[in-house]
C-alpha cells in the first residue's frame, strides 16, 4: 500500500504541475468552456497557475517520504480541500459551473480525506 500511495501522490503532483504549465502557457484559453478575458484576468490566471505548479511540486516532494513529511502533506491536502470549498462559494454566489468543474470540485472535496486516511493507515504514528 505504501508504494501505491507514493505512486499516486507523485502522479497527482505531476498532473497538478501539468495543469499549471498549460495555464501558464495558454492562460484562460486553456479553460474548457472559458471565454475571452481582459489582461487583468489573464494575468491572474497565469499567476495563480504558478502557485498550483508549486503545490504540485510540493506534493511530489512529499510523496518521496510520506512518513517524515506528513505535516506538509496534511497542509497540502487542506489547501486542496479548501479549493473545493472555494468552488462551493462560487456556486452559491454566481451559479453552477460546467459539469467538468463540478466533478473537479467533488474530487477536491473527496480526495484529500481519502489520501489522508490512506496515509495514516500506511504510515501509522
N, C-alpha and C. Protein backbone atom coordinates (compact mmCIF):
# COMPACT_ATOMS: atom_id res chain seq x y z
N UNK A 1 0.83 -1.19 0.00
CA UNK A 1 0.00 0.00 0.00
C UNK A 1 0.87 1.26 0.00
N UNK A 2 2.04 1.20 0.67
CA UNK A 2 2.92 2.37 0.73
C UNK A 2 3.39 2.77 -0.66
N UNK A 3 3.81 1.80 -1.45
CA UNK A 3 4.31 2.10 -2.80
C UNK A 3 3.19 2.63 -3.68
N UNK A 4 2.01 2.08 -3.55
CA UNK A 4 0.87 2.54 -4.35
C UNK A 4 0.51 3.99 -3.97
N UNK A 5 0.49 4.27 -2.70
CA UNK A 5 0.20 5.63 -2.23
C UNK A 5 1.26 6.61 -2.72
N UNK A 6 2.51 6.23 -2.58
CA UNK A 6 3.61 7.09 -3.05
C UNK A 6 3.46 7.36 -4.54
N UNK A 7 3.16 6.34 -5.31
CA UNK A 7 2.99 6.49 -6.75
C UNK A 7 1.81 7.38 -7.10
N UNK A 8 0.71 7.20 -6.39
CA UNK A 8 -0.48 8.00 -6.66
C UNK A 8 -0.24 9.47 -6.33
N UNK A 9 0.37 9.73 -5.17
CA UNK A 9 0.63 11.12 -4.77
C UNK A 9 1.62 11.77 -5.73
N UNK A 10 2.61 11.00 -6.19
CA UNK A 10 3.55 11.53 -7.18
C UNK A 10 2.81 11.88 -8.47
N UNK A 11 1.98 10.96 -8.95
CA UNK A 11 1.20 11.22 -10.16
C UNK A 11 0.28 12.43 -9.98
N UNK A 12 -0.35 12.51 -8.85
CA UNK A 12 -1.22 13.64 -8.52
C UNK A 12 -0.44 14.95 -8.64
N UNK A 13 0.74 14.99 -8.06
CA UNK A 13 1.57 16.20 -8.12
C UNK A 13 1.99 16.54 -9.54
N UNK A 14 2.36 15.52 -10.31
CA UNK A 14 2.76 15.74 -11.70
C UNK A 14 1.59 16.27 -12.52
N UNK A 15 0.40 15.72 -12.30
CA UNK A 15 -0.80 16.21 -13.01
C UNK A 15 -1.06 17.67 -12.64
N UNK A 16 -0.96 18.00 -11.37
CA UNK A 16 -1.15 19.40 -10.94
C UNK A 16 -0.14 20.31 -11.64
N UNK A 17 1.11 19.87 -11.72
CA UNK A 17 2.13 20.68 -12.39
C UNK A 17 1.83 20.82 -13.88
N UNK A 18 1.34 19.74 -14.49
CA UNK A 18 0.98 19.81 -15.90
C UNK A 18 -0.14 20.79 -16.16
N UNK A 19 -1.17 20.74 -15.32
CA UNK A 19 -2.28 21.69 -15.45
C UNK A 19 -1.77 23.12 -15.30
N UNK A 20 -0.91 23.33 -14.33
CA UNK A 20 -0.35 24.66 -14.11
C UNK A 20 0.44 25.14 -15.32
N UNK A 21 1.26 24.28 -15.88
CA UNK A 21 2.06 24.68 -17.04
C UNK A 21 1.19 25.02 -18.25
N UNK A 22 0.09 24.29 -18.42
CA UNK A 22 -0.84 24.62 -19.51
C UNK A 22 -1.43 26.01 -19.29
N UNK A 23 -1.80 26.32 -18.05
CA UNK A 23 -2.36 27.64 -17.75
C UNK A 23 -1.31 28.74 -17.90
N UNK A 24 -0.10 28.47 -17.51
CA UNK A 24 0.96 29.46 -17.69
C UNK A 24 1.19 29.72 -19.17
N UNK A 25 1.18 28.65 -19.96
CA UNK A 25 1.44 28.77 -21.39
C UNK A 25 0.30 29.35 -22.20
N UNK A 26 -0.93 28.95 -21.87
CA UNK A 26 -2.08 29.34 -22.68
C UNK A 26 -3.06 30.28 -21.97
N UNK A 27 -2.89 30.47 -20.68
CA UNK A 27 -3.77 31.35 -19.93
C UNK A 27 -5.19 30.83 -19.89
N UNK A 28 -6.15 31.72 -19.74
CA UNK A 28 -7.55 31.32 -19.64
C UNK A 28 -8.07 30.57 -20.86
N UNK A 29 -7.38 30.67 -21.99
CA UNK A 29 -7.81 29.91 -23.17
C UNK A 29 -7.74 28.41 -22.92
N UNK A 30 -7.02 28.00 -21.87
CA UNK A 30 -6.91 26.57 -21.54
C UNK A 30 -8.10 26.06 -20.74
N UNK A 31 -8.99 26.93 -20.33
CA UNK A 31 -10.15 26.55 -19.52
C UNK A 31 -11.27 26.07 -20.43
N UNK A 32 -11.66 24.80 -20.32
CA UNK A 32 -12.76 24.31 -21.15
C UNK A 32 -14.04 25.12 -20.88
N UNK A 33 -14.63 25.62 -21.93
CA UNK A 33 -15.83 26.41 -21.78
C UNK A 33 -15.58 27.84 -21.36
N UNK A 34 -14.30 28.22 -21.28
CA UNK A 34 -13.97 29.58 -20.88
C UNK A 34 -14.27 30.59 -21.97
N UNK A 35 -14.18 31.84 -21.61
CA UNK A 35 -14.44 32.94 -22.54
C UNK A 35 -13.22 33.86 -22.56
N UNK A 36 -13.18 34.73 -23.54
CA UNK A 36 -12.11 35.71 -23.61
C UNK A 36 -12.15 36.59 -22.35
N UNK A 37 -10.98 36.92 -21.85
CA UNK A 37 -10.89 37.75 -20.65
C UNK A 37 -9.99 38.95 -20.93
N UNK A 38 -10.04 39.91 -20.03
CA UNK A 38 -9.15 41.07 -20.18
C UNK A 38 -7.76 40.73 -19.66
N UNK A 39 -6.82 41.64 -19.83
CA UNK A 39 -5.43 41.41 -19.45
C UNK A 39 -5.28 41.15 -17.95
N UNK A 40 -6.09 41.80 -17.14
CA UNK A 40 -6.01 41.61 -15.69
C UNK A 40 -6.37 40.17 -15.31
N UNK A 41 -7.45 39.66 -15.87
CA UNK A 41 -7.87 38.29 -15.54
C UNK A 41 -6.88 37.28 -16.11
N UNK A 42 -6.32 37.54 -17.29
CA UNK A 42 -5.31 36.67 -17.86
C UNK A 42 -4.10 36.60 -16.94
N UNK A 43 -3.67 37.77 -16.46
CA UNK A 43 -2.53 37.85 -15.55
C UNK A 43 -2.80 37.06 -14.27
N UNK A 44 -4.01 37.19 -13.73
CA UNK A 44 -4.37 36.47 -12.51
C UNK A 44 -4.33 34.96 -12.72
N UNK A 45 -4.89 34.49 -13.84
CA UNK A 45 -4.90 33.05 -14.12
C UNK A 45 -3.48 32.51 -14.17
N UNK A 46 -2.60 33.19 -14.88
CA UNK A 46 -1.22 32.72 -15.02
C UNK A 46 -0.47 32.81 -13.69
N UNK A 47 -0.75 33.87 -12.90
CA UNK A 47 -0.12 34.00 -11.58
C UNK A 47 -0.53 32.84 -10.67
N UNK A 48 -1.83 32.58 -10.58
CA UNK A 48 -2.30 31.50 -9.71
C UNK A 48 -1.83 30.13 -10.20
N UNK A 49 -1.62 30.03 -11.50
CA UNK A 49 -1.10 28.77 -12.04
C UNK A 49 0.30 28.48 -11.50
N UNK A 50 1.10 29.53 -11.28
CA UNK A 50 2.43 29.29 -10.72
C UNK A 50 2.34 28.75 -9.30
N UNK A 51 1.33 29.19 -8.57
CA UNK A 51 1.13 28.66 -7.21
C UNK A 51 0.71 27.19 -7.27
N UNK A 52 -0.12 26.85 -8.25
CA UNK A 52 -0.53 25.46 -8.42
C UNK A 52 0.66 24.61 -8.86
N UNK A 53 1.57 25.19 -9.63
CA UNK A 53 2.81 24.49 -10.01
C UNK A 53 3.61 24.16 -8.75
N UNK A 54 3.72 25.13 -7.86
CA UNK A 54 4.42 24.89 -6.59
C UNK A 54 3.72 23.86 -5.73
N UNK A 55 2.39 23.89 -5.72
CA UNK A 55 1.61 22.89 -4.99
C UNK A 55 1.92 21.49 -5.51
N UNK A 56 1.93 21.35 -6.83
CA UNK A 56 2.23 20.04 -7.43
C UNK A 56 3.64 19.58 -7.10
N UNK A 57 4.59 20.49 -7.19
CA UNK A 57 5.98 20.14 -6.87
C UNK A 57 6.12 19.73 -5.40
N UNK A 58 5.43 20.45 -4.53
CA UNK A 58 5.47 20.10 -3.10
C UNK A 58 4.82 18.74 -2.87
N UNK A 59 3.78 18.41 -3.61
CA UNK A 59 3.15 17.10 -3.49
C UNK A 59 4.11 15.99 -3.91
N UNK A 60 4.81 16.21 -5.01
CA UNK A 60 5.81 15.22 -5.46
C UNK A 60 6.90 15.08 -4.41
N UNK A 61 7.34 16.18 -3.84
CA UNK A 61 8.38 16.14 -2.81
C UNK A 61 7.88 15.36 -1.59
N UNK A 62 6.66 15.61 -1.15
CA UNK A 62 6.10 14.89 0.00
C UNK A 62 5.99 13.40 -0.29
N UNK A 63 5.63 13.06 -1.51
CA UNK A 63 5.43 11.65 -1.87
C UNK A 63 6.69 10.83 -1.68
N UNK A 64 7.85 11.47 -1.76
CA UNK A 64 9.11 10.74 -1.64
C UNK A 64 9.34 10.21 -0.22
N UNK A 65 8.70 10.83 0.78
CA UNK A 65 8.82 10.36 2.17
C UNK A 65 7.58 10.80 2.95
N UNK A 66 6.48 10.10 2.70
CA UNK A 66 5.20 10.48 3.32
C UNK A 66 5.20 10.32 4.84
N UNK A 67 6.05 9.46 5.35
CA UNK A 67 6.11 9.29 6.80
C UNK A 67 6.74 10.52 7.45
N UNK A 68 7.86 10.96 6.93
CA UNK A 68 8.57 12.10 7.53
C UNK A 68 7.94 13.44 7.17
N UNK A 69 7.25 13.52 6.05
CA UNK A 69 6.71 14.79 5.58
C UNK A 69 5.19 14.86 5.76
N UNK A 70 4.71 14.18 6.78
CA UNK A 70 3.26 14.08 6.98
C UNK A 70 2.61 15.42 7.28
N UNK A 71 3.28 16.29 8.04
CA UNK A 71 2.67 17.59 8.35
C UNK A 71 2.51 18.43 7.09
N UNK A 72 3.52 18.44 6.23
CA UNK A 72 3.43 19.19 4.98
C UNK A 72 2.34 18.59 4.09
N UNK A 73 2.29 17.25 4.05
CA UNK A 73 1.28 16.59 3.23
C UNK A 73 -0.12 16.95 3.71
N UNK A 74 -0.33 16.95 5.03
CA UNK A 74 -1.63 17.34 5.58
C UNK A 74 -1.98 18.78 5.19
N UNK A 75 -0.99 19.66 5.27
CA UNK A 75 -1.23 21.06 4.91
C UNK A 75 -1.61 21.18 3.43
N UNK A 76 -0.92 20.45 2.58
CA UNK A 76 -1.24 20.48 1.15
C UNK A 76 -2.64 19.96 0.89
N UNK A 77 -3.01 18.89 1.57
CA UNK A 77 -4.35 18.34 1.37
C UNK A 77 -5.42 19.30 1.89
N UNK A 78 -5.12 20.04 2.94
CA UNK A 78 -6.07 21.05 3.43
C UNK A 78 -6.24 22.14 2.38
N UNK A 79 -5.14 22.58 1.78
CA UNK A 79 -5.22 23.60 0.74
C UNK A 79 -6.06 23.10 -0.44
N UNK A 80 -5.83 21.86 -0.86
CA UNK A 80 -6.59 21.30 -1.98
C UNK A 80 -8.07 21.20 -1.63
N UNK A 81 -8.35 20.75 -0.41
CA UNK A 81 -9.74 20.68 0.06
C UNK A 81 -10.39 22.06 0.05
N UNK A 82 -9.66 23.06 0.51
CA UNK A 82 -10.20 24.42 0.53
C UNK A 82 -10.48 24.94 -0.88
N UNK A 83 -9.75 24.44 -1.87
CA UNK A 83 -10.07 24.76 -3.25
C UNK A 83 -11.47 24.28 -3.61
N UNK A 84 -11.84 23.10 -3.12
CA UNK A 84 -13.19 22.59 -3.34
C UNK A 84 -14.23 23.43 -2.61
N UNK A 85 -13.89 23.88 -1.41
CA UNK A 85 -14.80 24.76 -0.66
C UNK A 85 -14.98 26.08 -1.42
N UNK A 86 -13.89 26.59 -1.99
CA UNK A 86 -13.97 27.83 -2.76
C UNK A 86 -14.90 27.66 -3.96
N UNK A 87 -14.90 26.47 -4.56
CA UNK A 87 -15.83 26.21 -5.67
C UNK A 87 -17.28 26.24 -5.19
N UNK A 88 -17.52 25.75 -3.97
CA UNK A 88 -18.87 25.81 -3.40
C UNK A 88 -19.30 27.26 -3.18
N UNK A 89 -18.39 28.08 -2.71
CA UNK A 89 -18.69 29.50 -2.52
C UNK A 89 -19.04 30.13 -3.86
N UNK A 90 -18.25 29.81 -4.89
CA UNK A 90 -18.52 30.33 -6.23
C UNK A 90 -19.90 29.90 -6.72
N UNK A 91 -20.21 28.62 -6.54
CA UNK A 91 -21.52 28.12 -6.99
C UNK A 91 -22.65 28.83 -6.26
N UNK A 92 -22.46 29.08 -4.98
CA UNK A 92 -23.51 29.77 -4.21
C UNK A 92 -23.67 31.22 -4.65
N UNK A 93 -22.58 31.85 -5.05
CA UNK A 93 -22.64 33.27 -5.38
C UNK A 93 -23.00 33.55 -6.84
N UNK A 94 -22.51 32.69 -7.77
CA UNK A 94 -22.74 33.01 -9.19
C UNK A 94 -23.36 31.87 -9.98
N UNK A 95 -23.59 30.73 -9.34
CA UNK A 95 -24.22 29.61 -10.02
C UNK A 95 -23.26 28.47 -10.32
N UNK A 96 -23.83 27.39 -10.79
CA UNK A 96 -23.04 26.18 -11.05
C UNK A 96 -22.18 26.34 -12.31
N UNK A 97 -20.97 25.82 -12.25
CA UNK A 97 -20.11 25.83 -13.44
C UNK A 97 -20.46 24.64 -14.34
N UNK A 98 -19.62 24.42 -15.35
CA UNK A 98 -19.82 23.27 -16.23
C UNK A 98 -19.67 21.97 -15.43
N UNK A 99 -20.16 20.90 -16.01
CA UNK A 99 -20.08 19.59 -15.36
C UNK A 99 -18.64 19.23 -15.00
N UNK A 100 -17.70 19.51 -15.89
CA UNK A 100 -16.29 19.20 -15.62
C UNK A 100 -15.85 19.82 -14.31
N UNK A 101 -16.19 21.09 -14.10
CA UNK A 101 -15.73 21.77 -12.90
C UNK A 101 -16.52 21.36 -11.66
N UNK A 102 -17.73 20.88 -11.84
CA UNK A 102 -18.45 20.30 -10.70
C UNK A 102 -17.77 19.00 -10.28
N UNK A 103 -17.35 18.20 -11.24
CA UNK A 103 -16.64 16.95 -10.93
C UNK A 103 -15.31 17.27 -10.27
N UNK A 104 -14.59 18.27 -10.78
CA UNK A 104 -13.31 18.65 -10.16
C UNK A 104 -13.53 19.10 -8.71
N UNK A 105 -14.60 19.85 -8.47
CA UNK A 105 -14.90 20.26 -7.10
C UNK A 105 -15.16 19.07 -6.19
N UNK A 106 -15.86 18.08 -6.71
CA UNK A 106 -16.10 16.87 -5.93
C UNK A 106 -14.79 16.16 -5.61
N UNK A 107 -13.92 16.08 -6.61
CA UNK A 107 -12.59 15.47 -6.40
C UNK A 107 -11.83 16.24 -5.32
N UNK A 108 -11.90 17.56 -5.36
CA UNK A 108 -11.17 18.39 -4.40
C UNK A 108 -11.72 18.22 -2.98
N UNK A 109 -12.97 17.87 -2.86
CA UNK A 109 -13.56 17.67 -1.53
C UNK A 109 -13.38 16.25 -1.02
N UNK A 110 -13.31 15.27 -1.91
CA UNK A 110 -13.25 13.87 -1.51
C UNK A 110 -11.81 13.35 -1.42
N UNK A 111 -10.97 13.72 -2.39
CA UNK A 111 -9.62 13.15 -2.45
C UNK A 111 -8.77 13.43 -1.21
N UNK A 112 -8.74 14.66 -0.68
CA UNK A 112 -7.89 14.89 0.49
C UNK A 112 -8.20 14.00 1.69
N UNK A 113 -9.47 13.87 2.12
CA UNK A 113 -9.72 12.97 3.25
C UNK A 113 -9.33 11.52 2.95
N UNK A 114 -9.57 11.08 1.72
CA UNK A 114 -9.21 9.70 1.35
C UNK A 114 -7.69 9.52 1.41
N UNK A 115 -6.95 10.46 0.85
CA UNK A 115 -5.49 10.35 0.87
C UNK A 115 -4.93 10.46 2.28
N UNK A 116 -5.50 11.33 3.09
CA UNK A 116 -5.02 11.45 4.47
C UNK A 116 -5.31 10.19 5.27
N UNK A 117 -6.48 9.61 5.07
CA UNK A 117 -6.82 8.36 5.74
C UNK A 117 -5.88 7.24 5.29
N UNK A 118 -5.65 7.17 3.99
CA UNK A 118 -4.76 6.13 3.44
C UNK A 118 -3.34 6.31 3.95
N UNK A 119 -2.87 7.56 4.01
CA UNK A 119 -1.52 7.81 4.53
C UNK A 119 -1.42 7.39 5.99
N UNK A 120 -2.45 7.69 6.77
CA UNK A 120 -2.45 7.31 8.18
C UNK A 120 -2.43 5.80 8.36
N UNK A 121 -3.11 5.05 7.49
CA UNK A 121 -3.11 3.59 7.57
C UNK A 121 -1.76 3.02 7.12
N UNK A 122 -1.17 3.62 6.09
CA UNK A 122 0.09 3.12 5.56
C UNK A 122 1.27 3.47 6.45
N UNK A 123 1.18 4.64 7.10
CA UNK A 123 2.29 5.12 7.95
C UNK A 123 1.74 5.53 9.30
N UNK A 124 1.35 4.56 10.12
CA UNK A 124 0.77 4.91 11.43
C UNK A 124 1.80 5.60 12.33
N UNK A 125 1.28 6.46 13.16
CA UNK A 125 2.14 7.09 14.14
C UNK A 125 2.44 8.52 13.91
